[in-house]
Amino acid sequence: MNPKHSLVASLIALALLYLAWFANDPHIVAALLVFALPPVALAVAAARGWHRAGFTASVLALLWFCHGVMLLWSEPDLRLQAALETVLALAVIHAACLPGIRAWRENRQKQRS
């Protein structure tokens, strides 16, 4: 799986998590606009080749990561969802960093040759 596909898959998985998480919320529209819409929009942007999608997703993933860790500590009833959110946020950051890591490795190998 290439980095773009990994990023899109991670963002879609995060959006699906939010859809399931807030399915019974009384303020579902607001919850989905705040939580599910950004990863879906970024997944579409990444799939269409927007070159800043990875960076933007990484910045937002830092917020998703903090939210997940905060809920892990404070809400025992939401630990499964919070753990999934934390892991998926890390997956988004990892997928967004892969092109840079690969370019760095290639550059390093060229310098050694």
C-alpha atoms as a PDB file:
ATOM      1  CA  MET A   1       0.000   0.000   0.000  1.00  0.00           C
ATOM      2  CA  ASN A   2       1.458   3.348  -0.987  1.00  0.00           C
ATOM      3  CA  PRO A   3       1.497   6.348   1.380  1.00  0.00           C
ATOM      4  CA  LYS A   4      -1.428   8.075  -0.322  1.00  0.00           C
ATOM      5  CA  HIS A   5      -3.627   4.998   0.045  1.00  0.00           C
ATOM      6  CA  SER A   6      -2.549   4.591   3.679  1.00  0.00           C
ATOM      7  CA  LEU A   7      -3.453   8.197   4.417  1.00  0.00           C
ATOM      8  CA  VAL A   8      -6.847   7.928   2.722  1.00  0.00           C
ATOM      9  CA  ALA A   9      -7.616   4.619   4.476  1.00  0.00           C
ATOM     10  CA  SER A  10      -6.634   6.008   7.890  1.00  0.00           C
ATOM     11  CA  LEU A  11      -8.762   9.109   7.412  1.00  0.00           C
ATOM     12  CA  ILE A  12     -11.780   7.111   6.230  1.00  0.00           C
ATOM     13  CA  ALA A  13     -11.397   4.735   9.201  1.00  0.00           C
ATOM     14  CA  LEU A  14     -11.306   7.718  11.550  1.00  0.00           C
ATOM     15  CA  ALA A  15     -14.429   9.190   9.954  1.00  0.00           C
ATOM     16  CA  LEU A  16     -16.229   5.840  10.260  1.00  0.00           C
ATOM     17  CA  LEU A  17     -15.245   5.670  13.921  1.00  0.00           C
ATOM     18  CA  TYR A  18     -16.774   9.096  14.486  1.00  0.00           C
ATOM     19  CA  LEU A  19     -19.926   8.118  12.582  1.00  0.00           C
ATOM     20  CA  ALA A  20     -20.391   5.082  14.815  1.00  0.00           C
ATOM     21  CA  TRP A  21     -19.398   6.963  17.960  1.00  0.00           C
ATOM     22  CA  PHE A  22     -21.889   9.796  17.534  1.00  0.00           C
ATOM     23  CA  ALA A  23     -24.724   7.820  15.921  1.00  0.00           C
ATOM     24  CA  ASN A  24     -26.986   8.219  18.978  1.00  0.00           C
ATOM     25  CA  ASP A  25     -25.860  11.712  19.957  1.00  0.00           C
ATOM     26  CA  PRO A  26     -28.690  14.249  20.326  1.00  0.00           C
ATOM     27  CA  HIS A  27     -26.538  16.819  18.465  1.00  0.00           C
ATOM     28  CA  ILE A  28     -25.509  14.458  15.672  1.00  0.00           C
ATOM     29  CA  VAL A  29     -25.275  17.115  12.958  1.00  0.00           C
ATOM     30  CA  ALA A  30     -22.907  19.280  14.980  1.00  0.00           C
ATOM     31  CA  ALA A  31     -20.858  16.259  16.056  1.00  0.00           C
ATOM     32  CA  LEU A  32     -20.487  15.001  12.506  1.00  0.00           C
ATOM     33  CA  LEU A  33     -19.603  18.460  11.170  1.00  0.00           C
ATOM     34  CA  VAL A  34     -16.886  18.861  13.799  1.00  0.00           C
ATOM     35  CA  PHE A  35     -15.544  15.309  13.931  1.00  0.00           C
ATOM     36  CA  ALA A  36     -16.425  13.305  10.795  1.00  0.00           C
ATOM     37  CA  LEU A  37     -16.413  15.948   8.055  1.00  0.00           C
ATOM     38  CA  PRO A  38     -12.729  17.012   8.341  1.00  0.00           C
ATOM     39  CA  PRO A  39     -11.277  13.508   7.872  1.00  0.00           C
ATOM     40  CA  VAL A  40     -13.646  12.828   4.963  1.00  0.00           C
ATOM     41  CA  ALA A  41     -12.748  16.122   3.283  1.00  0.00           C
ATOM     42  CA  LEU A  42      -9.036  15.440   3.774  1.00  0.00           C
ATOM     43  CA  ALA A  43      -9.394  11.890   2.441  1.00  0.00           C
ATOM     44  CA  VAL A  44     -11.043  13.240  -0.707  1.00  0.00           C
ATOM     45  CA  ALA A  45      -8.360  15.917  -1.033  1.00  0.00           C
ATOM     46  CA  ALA A  46      -5.572  13.355  -0.592  1.00  0.00           C
ATOM     47  CA  ALA A  47      -7.159  10.979  -3.088  1.00  0.00           C
ATOM     48  CA  ARG A  48      -7.377  13.804  -5.629  1.00  0.00           C
ATOM     49  CA  GLY A  49      -3.709  14.643  -5.119  1.00  0.00           C
ATOM     50  CA  TRP A  50      -3.770  17.845  -3.081  1.00  0.00           C
ATOM     51  CA  HIS A  51      -0.139  18.180  -2.030  1.00  0.00           C
ATOM     52  CA  ARG A  52      -0.931  19.733   1.372  1.00  0.00           C
ATOM     53  CA  ALA A  53      -3.462  17.088   2.433  1.00  0.00           C
ATOM     54  CA  GLY A  54      -0.886  15.082   4.367  1.00  0.00           C
ATOM     55  CA  PHE A  55       0.391  18.102   6.263  1.00  0.00           C
ATOM     56  CA  THR A  56      -3.105  19.347   7.070  1.00  0.00           C
ATOM     57  CA  ALA A  57      -4.198  15.871   8.158  1.00  0.00           C
ATOM     58  CA  SER A  58      -1.123  15.597  10.392  1.00  0.00           C
ATOM     59  CA  VAL A  59      -1.876  18.876  12.124  1.00  0.00           C
ATOM     60  CA  LEU A  60      -5.480  17.849  12.746  1.00  0.00           C
ATOM     61  CA  ALA A  61      -4.317  14.379  13.816  1.00  0.00           C
ATOM     62  CA  LEU A  62      -2.412  16.011  16.665  1.00  0.00           C
ATOM     63  CA  LEU A  63      -5.746  17.356  17.917  1.00  0.00           C
ATOM     64  CA  TRP A  64      -7.440  13.973  17.442  1.00  0.00           C
ATOM     65  CA  PHE A  65      -4.570  12.321  19.302  1.00  0.00           C
ATOM     66  CA  CYS A  66      -4.892  14.771  22.215  1.00  0.00           C
ATOM     67  CA  HIS A  67      -8.656  14.259  22.304  1.00  0.00           C
ATOM     68  CA  GLY A  68      -8.228  10.482  22.388  1.00  0.00           C
ATOM     69  CA  VAL A  69      -5.624  10.592  25.155  1.00  0.00           C
ATOM     70  CA  MET A  70      -7.751  12.993  27.177  1.00  0.00           C
ATOM     71  CA  LEU A  71     -10.742  10.646  26.936  1.00  0.00           C
ATOM     72  CA  LEU A  72      -8.590   7.631  27.781  1.00  0.00           C
ATOM     73  CA  TRP A  73      -7.689   9.300  31.057  1.00  0.00           C
ATOM     74  CA  SER A  74     -11.040  10.835  31.943  1.00  0.00           C
ATOM     75  CA  GLU A  75     -13.873   8.678  30.560  1.00  0.00           C
ATOM     76  CA  PRO A  76     -13.747   4.980  31.476  1.00  0.00           C
ATOM     77  CA  ASP A  77     -16.900   4.246  29.461  1.00  0.00           C
ATOM     78  CA  LEU A  78     -15.330   5.583  26.253  1.00  0.00           C
ATOM     79  CA  ARG A  79     -11.949   3.882  26.481  1.00  0.00           C
ATOM     80  CA  LEU A  80     -12.423   1.682  23.408  1.00  0.00           C
ATOM     81  CA  GLN A  81     -13.443   4.583  21.170  1.00  0.00           C
ATOM     82  CA  ALA A  82     -10.712   6.796  22.620  1.00  0.00           C
ATOM     83  CA  ALA A  83      -8.062   4.127  22.085  1.00  0.00           C
ATOM     84  CA  LEU A  84      -9.178   3.650  18.477  1.00  0.00           C
ATOM     85  CA  GLU A  85      -9.139   7.403  17.926  1.00  0.00           C
ATOM     86  CA  THR A  86      -5.609   7.629  19.339  1.00  0.00           C
ATOM     87  CA  VAL A  87      -4.307   4.760  17.204  1.00  0.00           C
ATOM     88  CA  LEU A  88      -5.944   6.104  14.044  1.00  0.00           C
ATOM     89  CA  ALA A  89      -4.539   9.575  14.690  1.00  0.00           C
ATOM     90  CA  LEU A  90      -1.075   8.032  14.913  1.00  0.00           C
ATOM     91  CA  ALA A  91      -1.759   6.105  11.698  1.00  0.00           C
ATOM     92  CA  VAL A  92      -2.668   9.370   9.936  1.00  0.00           C
ATOM     93  CA  ILE A  93       0.558  11.010  11.123  1.00  0.00           C
ATOM     94  CA  HIS A  94       2.612   7.992  10.066  1.00  0.00           C
ATOM     95  CA  ALA A  95       1.008   7.822   6.616  1.00  0.00           C
ATOM     96  CA  ALA A  96       1.496  11.553   6.081  1.00  0.00           C
ATOM     97  CA  CYS A  97       5.185  11.312   7.019  1.00  0.00           C
ATOM     98  CA  LEU A  98       6.010   8.332   4.787  1.00  0.00           C
ATOM     99  CA  PRO A  99       6.868  10.308   1.621  1.00  0.00           C
ATOM    100  CA  GLY A 100       9.300  12.492   3.559  1.00  0.00           C
ATOM    101  CA  ILE A 101      10.889   9.496   5.257  1.00  0.00           C
ATOM    102  CA  ARG A 102      11.322   7.720   1.921  1.00  0.00           C
ATOM    103  CA  ALA A 103      12.834  10.813   0.290  1.00  0.00           C
ATOM    104  CA  TRP A 104      15.247  11.223   3.203  1.00  0.00           C
ATOM    105  CA  ARG A 105      16.340   7.581   2.931  1.00  0.00           C
ATOM    106  CA  GLU A 106      16.842   7.846  -0.823  1.00  0.00           C
ATOM    107  CA  ASN A 107      18.856  11.038  -0.425  1.00  0.00           C
ATOM    108  CA  ARG A 108      20.968   9.427   2.278  1.00  0.00           C
ATOM    109  CA  GLN A 109      21.648   6.378   0.089  1.00  0.00           C
ATOM    110  CA  LYS A 110      22.675   8.627  -2.819  1.00  0.00           C
ATOM    111  CA  GLN A 111      25.127  10.478  -0.591  1.00  0.00           C
ATOM    112  CA  ARG A 112      26.741   7.201   0.481  1.00  0.00           C
ATOM    113  CA  SER A 113      27.233   6.044  -3.116  1.00  0.00           C
END
